[in-house]
Amino acid sequence: RLVSDPYVDEALQAALAVPLKLNQREQLTAAADAVGKAAFGFAIEADGNTLAAIDPLLPKPEQYKNQ
């Protein structure tokens, strides 16, 4: 909701379209392919500023880095 990007929207729609349960191999594989396609498109065309709205949600470095 914080990020407005067509590639992020496409990936979310694909990921949420198929229930995560047994015997969904074909549907889950198709969803994974769609997420991958959206991710590659995002990587090619977007920059980090596109995701700046979620920065406050990320853990601080001291929470995940071994010191």
C-alpha atoms as a PDB file:
ATOM      1  CA  ARG A   1       0.000   0.000   0.000  1.00  0.00           C
ATOM      2  CA  LEU A   2       2.912   2.343   0.638  1.00  0.00           C
ATOM      3  CA  VAL A   3       4.512   1.751  -2.751  1.00  0.00           C
ATOM      4  CA  SER A   4       2.854   2.704  -5.991  1.00  0.00           C
ATOM      5  CA  ASP A   5       4.657   0.871  -8.771  1.00  0.00           C
ATOM      6  CA  PRO A   6       3.198  -1.227 -11.603  1.00  0.00           C
ATOM      7  CA  TYR A   7       5.866  -3.933 -11.222  1.00  0.00           C
ATOM      8  CA  VAL A   8       5.284  -4.255  -7.491  1.00  0.00           C
ATOM      9  CA  ASP A   9       1.532  -4.371  -8.107  1.00  0.00           C
ATOM     10  CA  GLU A  10       1.965  -7.052 -10.764  1.00  0.00           C
ATOM     11  CA  ALA A  11       4.132  -9.181  -8.470  1.00  0.00           C
ATOM     12  CA  LEU A  12       1.717  -8.854  -5.551  1.00  0.00           C
ATOM     13  CA  GLN A  13      -1.291  -9.752  -7.685  1.00  0.00           C
ATOM     14  CA  ALA A  14       0.474 -12.844  -9.012  1.00  0.00           C
ATOM     15  CA  ALA A  15       1.696 -13.914  -5.573  1.00  0.00           C
ATOM     16  CA  LEU A  16      -1.699 -13.510  -3.930  1.00  0.00           C
ATOM     17  CA  ALA A  17      -3.741 -15.062  -6.741  1.00  0.00           C
ATOM     18  CA  VAL A  18      -2.941 -18.687  -5.905  1.00  0.00           C
ATOM     19  CA  PRO A  19      -3.577 -20.239  -2.491  1.00  0.00           C
ATOM     20  CA  LEU A  20      -0.498 -21.793  -0.921  1.00  0.00           C
ATOM     21  CA  LYS A  21      -1.641 -25.382  -0.524  1.00  0.00           C
ATOM     22  CA  LEU A  22      -0.923 -28.864  -1.833  1.00  0.00           C
ATOM     23  CA  ASN A  23      -1.536 -29.856  -5.448  1.00  0.00           C
ATOM     24  CA  GLN A  24      -1.109 -26.336  -6.834  1.00  0.00           C
ATOM     25  CA  ARG A  25       2.202 -26.930  -8.590  1.00  0.00           C
ATOM     26  CA  GLU A  26       1.235 -25.536 -11.997  1.00  0.00           C
ATOM     27  CA  GLN A  27      -0.539 -22.498 -10.586  1.00  0.00           C
ATOM     28  CA  LEU A  28       2.265 -21.749  -8.119  1.00  0.00           C
ATOM     29  CA  THR A  29       4.905 -22.138 -10.829  1.00  0.00           C
ATOM     30  CA  ALA A  30       2.996 -19.734 -13.083  1.00  0.00           C
ATOM     31  CA  ALA A  31       2.680 -17.256 -10.200  1.00  0.00           C
ATOM     32  CA  ALA A  32       6.399 -17.548  -9.457  1.00  0.00           C
ATOM     33  CA  ASP A  33       7.191 -16.915 -13.122  1.00  0.00           C
ATOM     34  CA  ALA A  34       4.980 -13.809 -13.096  1.00  0.00           C
ATOM     35  CA  VAL A  35       6.666 -12.526  -9.921  1.00  0.00           C
ATOM     36  CA  GLY A  36      10.075 -13.128 -11.497  1.00  0.00           C
ATOM     37  CA  LYS A  37       9.091 -11.286 -14.665  1.00  0.00           C
ATOM     38  CA  ALA A  38       7.843  -8.327 -12.618  1.00  0.00           C
ATOM     39  CA  ALA A  39      11.029  -8.346 -10.529  1.00  0.00           C
ATOM     40  CA  PHE A  40      13.234  -8.224 -13.618  1.00  0.00           C
ATOM     41  CA  GLY A  41      11.162  -5.391 -15.048  1.00  0.00           C
ATOM     42  CA  PHE A  42      11.445  -3.510 -11.767  1.00  0.00           C
ATOM     43  CA  ALA A  43      15.207  -4.053 -11.643  1.00  0.00           C
ATOM     44  CA  ILE A  44      15.639  -2.698 -15.157  1.00  0.00           C
ATOM     45  CA  GLU A  45      13.393   0.351 -14.919  1.00  0.00           C
ATOM     46  CA  ALA A  46      13.086   1.404 -11.266  1.00  0.00           C
ATOM     47  CA  ASP A  47      15.520   2.890  -8.797  1.00  0.00           C
ATOM     48  CA  GLY A  48      15.700   2.679  -5.025  1.00  0.00           C
ATOM     49  CA  ASN A  49      13.631   5.804  -4.592  1.00  0.00           C
ATOM     50  CA  THR A  50      10.596   3.847  -5.731  1.00  0.00           C
ATOM     51  CA  LEU A  51      10.697   1.867  -2.471  1.00  0.00           C
ATOM     52  CA  ALA A  52      11.638   4.736  -0.141  1.00  0.00           C
ATOM     53  CA  ALA A  53       8.189   4.688   1.475  1.00  0.00           C
ATOM     54  CA  ILE A  54       8.935   1.330   3.116  1.00  0.00           C
ATOM     55  CA  ASP A  55      12.326   2.328   4.533  1.00  0.00           C
ATOM     56  CA  PRO A  56      10.863   3.011   8.003  1.00  0.00           C
ATOM     57  CA  LEU A  57       9.552  -0.573   8.098  1.00  0.00           C
ATOM     58  CA  LEU A  58      13.014  -2.114   7.672  1.00  0.00           C
ATOM     59  CA  PRO A  59      15.034  -3.203  10.711  1.00  0.00           C
ATOM     60  CA  LYS A  60      17.963  -1.071  11.779  1.00  0.00           C
ATOM     61  CA  PRO A  61      21.435  -2.432  10.858  1.00  0.00           C
ATOM     62  CA  GLU A  62      22.208  -3.221  14.503  1.00  0.00           C
ATOM     63  CA  GLN A  63      19.188  -5.535  14.513  1.00  0.00           C
ATOM     64  CA  TYR A  64      20.486  -7.792  11.752  1.00  0.00           C
ATOM     65  CA  LYS A  65      24.236  -7.275  11.470  1.00  0.00           C
ATOM     66  CA  ASN A  66      26.690  -9.254  13.567  1.00  0.00           C
ATOM     67  CA  GLN A  67      29.106  -6.900  15.175  1.00  0.00           C
END
